[in-house]
Protein backbone atom coordinates (compact mmCIF):
# COMPACT_ATOMS: atom_id res chain seq x y z
CA MET A 1 -15.67 15.12 16.73
CA VAL A 2 -13.61 14.49 13.71
CA GLY A 3 -15.90 13.56 10.59
CA VAL A 4 -13.26 11.57 8.62
CA ILE A 5 -14.96 8.23 7.88
CA ALA A 6 -13.39 4.96 5.84
CA ALA A 7 -15.82 5.60 2.48
CA ASP A 8 -13.47 9.25 2.07
CA LEU A 9 -10.56 7.01 1.41
CA ARG A 10 -11.99 5.18 -1.06
CA ARG A 11 -11.62 7.19 -4.44
CA ARG A 12 -10.42 5.80 -7.78
CA LEU A 13 -6.93 7.93 -8.20
CA THR A 14 -5.28 8.22 -11.59
CA GLY A 15 -1.59 8.88 -12.00
CA ARG A 16 0.60 8.94 -15.05
CA ARG A 17 1.34 5.38 -14.97
CA VAL A 18 -0.70 3.77 -12.91
CA VAL A 19 -4.64 3.72 -11.58
CA VAL A 20 -5.26 2.93 -8.24
CA GLU A 21 -9.07 1.97 -7.82
CA PRO A 22 -11.10 0.19 -4.92
CA LEU A 23 -10.29 -3.83 -4.95
CA ARG A 24 -13.58 -5.23 -6.83
CA SER A 25 -14.01 -9.01 -7.70
CA ASP A 26 -13.96 -8.75 -11.16
CA HIS A 27 -10.10 -7.80 -10.55
CA GLU A 28 -9.24 -11.27 -9.57
CA PRO A 29 -8.35 -12.90 -12.60
CA GLY A 30 -5.74 -10.02 -13.46
CA LEU A 31 -4.25 -10.25 -10.01
CA LEU A 32 -3.92 -13.69 -10.54
CA GLU A 33 -1.47 -13.06 -13.55
CA ALA A 34 0.17 -10.53 -11.80
CA ALA A 35 1.02 -12.86 -8.25
CA ALA A 36 2.29 -15.67 -10.85
CA ASP A 37 5.89 -15.21 -9.35
CA PRO A 38 6.52 -16.31 -5.84
CA GLN A 39 9.38 -13.85 -4.96
CA VAL A 40 7.01 -10.98 -4.74
CA PHE A 41 5.38 -12.49 -1.59
CA ALA A 42 8.95 -13.49 -0.20
CA TRP A 43 8.11 -11.35 2.67
CA MET A 44 4.65 -11.29 3.36
CA PRO A 45 2.53 -14.01 5.37
CA VAL A 46 0.41 -15.32 2.12
CA ASP A 47 2.06 -16.89 -0.64
CA MET A 48 -0.97 -15.79 -3.54
CA THR A 49 0.66 -17.68 -6.26
CA SER A 50 -2.09 -20.01 -6.40
CA ALA A 51 -6.07 -19.43 -7.40
CA ARG A 52 -7.18 -20.62 -4.29
CA ALA A 53 -4.87 -18.46 -2.01
CA LEU A 54 -5.67 -15.57 -4.06
CA ARG A 55 -9.49 -16.18 -3.92
CA ALA A 56 -9.05 -16.03 0.36
CA TRP A 57 -6.96 -13.17 0.11
CA THR A 58 -9.43 -11.20 -2.11
CA THR A 59 -12.68 -12.49 -0.32
CA ALA A 60 -11.13 -11.19 2.92
CA ALA A 61 -10.11 -8.04 2.05
CA LEU A 62 -13.49 -7.52 0.46
CA HIS A 63 -15.07 -8.34 3.81
CA ALA A 64 -12.91 -5.94 5.31
CA ALA A 65 -14.06 -2.95 3.17
CA GLU A 66 -17.90 -3.78 3.57
CA GLU A 67 -17.30 -3.46 7.27
CA GLU A 68 -14.93 -0.61 7.09
CA ARG A 69 -11.92 -1.72 8.94
CA GLU A 70 -9.66 -1.41 5.04
CA VAL A 71 -9.86 0.20 2.17
CA PRO A 72 -8.18 -2.33 -0.72
CA PHE A 73 -7.29 -1.28 -4.16
CA ALA A 74 -6.02 -2.89 -6.95
CA ILE A 75 -3.43 -0.94 -9.28
CA LEU A 76 -3.85 -1.10 -13.06
CA SER A 77 -1.52 -0.03 -15.63
CA ILE A 78 -2.83 3.23 -17.57
CA ASP A 79 -1.87 1.98 -20.82
CA ASP A 80 -3.79 -1.24 -20.76
CA GLY A 81 -5.47 -1.74 -17.72
CA ALA A 82 -3.75 -4.44 -16.97
CA VAL A 83 -4.02 -5.54 -13.43
CA LEU A 84 -0.30 -4.80 -11.48
CA GLY A 85 -1.27 -5.55 -7.79
CA SER A 86 -2.52 -4.02 -4.93
CA THR A 87 -2.56 -1.56 -1.76
CA ARG A 88 -4.29 -0.76 0.83
CA PHE A 89 -5.51 1.63 3.65
CA LEU A 90 -5.74 -0.66 7.04
CA GLU A 91 -5.51 0.38 10.85
CA LEU A 92 -7.55 2.96 10.36
CA ARG A 93 -8.06 5.19 13.28
CA LEU A 94 -9.67 8.32 11.67
CA GLU A 95 -10.72 9.69 14.85
CA HIS A 96 -7.05 10.54 15.27
CA LEU A 97 -6.75 11.22 11.81
CA ARG A 98 -4.31 8.22 11.11
CA ALA A 99 -4.01 5.15 8.56
CA GLU A 100 -1.29 2.77 7.66
CA ILE A 101 -1.01 1.72 3.87
CA GLY A 102 0.20 -1.82 3.74
CA TRP A 103 -0.34 -4.86 1.45
CA THR A 104 1.29 -3.56 -1.38
CA TRP A 105 2.58 -5.56 -3.70
CA VAL A 106 3.09 -5.52 -7.15
CA THR A 107 4.01 -7.83 -9.94
CA ARG A 108 7.80 -8.69 -10.34
CA SER A 109 7.87 -7.12 -14.03
CA ALA A 110 6.54 -3.76 -12.30
CA TRP A 111 9.64 -4.06 -9.90
CA GLY A 112 11.63 -0.01 -10.36
CA THR A 113 9.65 1.01 -13.19
CA GLY A 114 8.06 3.69 -10.93
CA VAL A 115 4.75 2.01 -10.52
CA ASN A 116 5.42 1.25 -6.40
CA VAL A 117 6.28 5.11 -6.10
CA GLU A 118 3.71 6.74 -8.12
CA THR A 119 1.00 4.50 -5.90
CA LYS A 120 2.36 5.73 -2.41
CA LEU A 121 2.02 9.26 -4.50
CA LEU A 122 -1.48 8.80 -5.20
CA LEU A 123 -2.42 7.69 -2.06
CA LEU A 124 -0.18 9.76 0.26
CA GLY A 125 -1.75 13.01 -1.23
CA HIS A 126 -5.06 11.88 -1.12
CA ALA A 127 -4.74 10.99 2.28
CA PHE A 128 -3.08 14.15 3.24
CA GLU A 129 -4.49 16.73 0.78
CA ARG A 130 -8.13 15.78 -0.07
CA VAL A 131 -9.31 13.10 3.43
CA GLY A 132 -6.97 15.28 5.95
CA LEU A 133 -4.76 12.88 7.73
CA ARG A 134 -2.32 14.13 10.08
CA ARG A 135 -0.44 10.52 9.82
CA VAL A 136 0.34 7.75 7.57
CA GLU A 137 2.16 4.84 8.79
CA PHE A 138 3.90 1.78 7.33
CA LYS A 139 5.37 -1.31 8.79
CA THR A 140 7.30 -4.32 7.32
CA ASP A 141 9.32 -7.18 8.50
CA ALA A 142 12.48 -5.64 10.34
CA ARG A 143 14.46 -8.22 8.35
CA ASN A 144 13.41 -6.79 4.96
CA GLU A 145 16.20 -4.86 4.01
CA ARG A 146 14.24 -4.29 0.54
CA SER A 147 11.26 -2.87 1.73
CA ARG A 148 12.59 -0.53 4.38
CA GLY A 149 14.95 0.52 1.99
CA ALA A 150 11.74 1.67 -0.28
CA LEU A 151 10.63 3.61 2.48
CA GLN A 152 13.48 5.21 3.21
CA ALA A 153 13.61 6.36 -0.11
CA LEU A 154 10.40 7.45 -0.36
CA GLY A 155 11.16 9.82 2.98
CA ALA A 156 9.28 8.06 5.50
CA GLN A 157 10.70 8.64 9.01
CA PRO A 158 12.06 5.35 11.19
CA GLU A 159 10.09 5.27 14.23
CA GLY A 160 11.63 2.10 15.64
CA ILE A 161 11.52 -1.45 15.51
CA PHE A 162 8.56 -3.62 17.28
CA ARG A 163 10.04 -6.69 19.07
CA LYS A 164 8.22 -9.96 18.67
CA HIS A 165 5.43 -8.07 16.97
CA MET A 166 3.37 -10.89 14.88
CA VAL A 167 3.41 -14.40 14.55
CA LEU A 168 4.36 -15.82 10.95
CA PRO A 169 2.90 -18.68 9.75
CA ASP A 170 5.70 -20.92 10.72
CA GLY A 171 4.91 -19.93 14.07
CA SER A 172 8.21 -17.89 14.65
CA ALA A 173 8.19 -14.49 15.94
CA ARG A 174 8.46 -11.44 13.13
CA ASP A 175 10.26 -8.11 14.29
CA SER A 176 8.10 -5.06 12.91
CA ALA A 177 10.22 -1.91 11.47
CA TYR A 178 7.64 1.01 11.68
CA TYR A 179 7.81 4.09 9.32
CA ALA A 180 5.55 6.84 8.91
CA VAL A 181 4.86 10.29 7.01
CA THR A 182 2.91 13.05 8.97
CA ASP A 183 1.26 16.36 7.39
CA ASP A 184 4.13 18.59 8.35
CA ASP A 185 6.68 15.70 6.41
CA TRP A 186 4.37 15.50 3.32
CA PRO A 187 5.38 18.68 0.94
CA ARG A 188 9.05 17.23 1.45
CA VAL A 189 8.41 13.56 0.54
CA ARG A 190 5.74 14.49 -2.15
CA ARG A 191 8.74 16.86 -3.67
CA GLY A 192 10.70 13.65 -3.44
CA LEU A 193 8.45 11.47 -5.32
CA GLU A 194 7.59 13.87 -7.97
CA ALA A 195 11.36 14.56 -8.47
CA ARG A 196 12.20 10.28 -8.98
CA LEU A 197 8.91 10.23 -11.65
CA GLY A 198 10.24 13.37 -13.50
CA ILE A 199 6.97 15.27 -12.71
CA PRO A 200 7.93 19.10 -13.32
CA VAL A 201 7.65 21.45 -10.39
CA ALA A 202 4.51 23.62 -10.48
């Protein structure tokens, strides 16, 4: 039997730009400030620009963590500790050594700064090199060209479209585009991410 459990994924990860640490209730004020621009949530099922919506989202995320169904994180600036956004491991199928990275969002001012790139580097490195996962998945709305472009730039491999995969808040159907990185892909993906961040080759 594979011995990986959700707690193995729950670690504080430190990079050059960001710290990715397990989500706590005291992150909420910083998350609310980071969530001020509604464009951040244009392709997400929840708009967290209101305190009420963000609290409901945070409560649900922490409940999922308690039940070991998901592993949510806050993304912090390494310079001043400001909360920049959030991400998580979800859809945990650890008996098959796979999980998904999703619910990722960062404050608008951090777009294009390398925050998301380094966050992915830290999470993927932890998943593959420390925990021993063999596959990490990503999904996004098939219409979200910005997200799909970011996943391809990340080095994740496109694996197809799941048609009518989700029901959106307005009742319409969403097609989801799926991507994945496997442990075989990881050395190449890691080199690409490190190059984008200007990290010298060891």
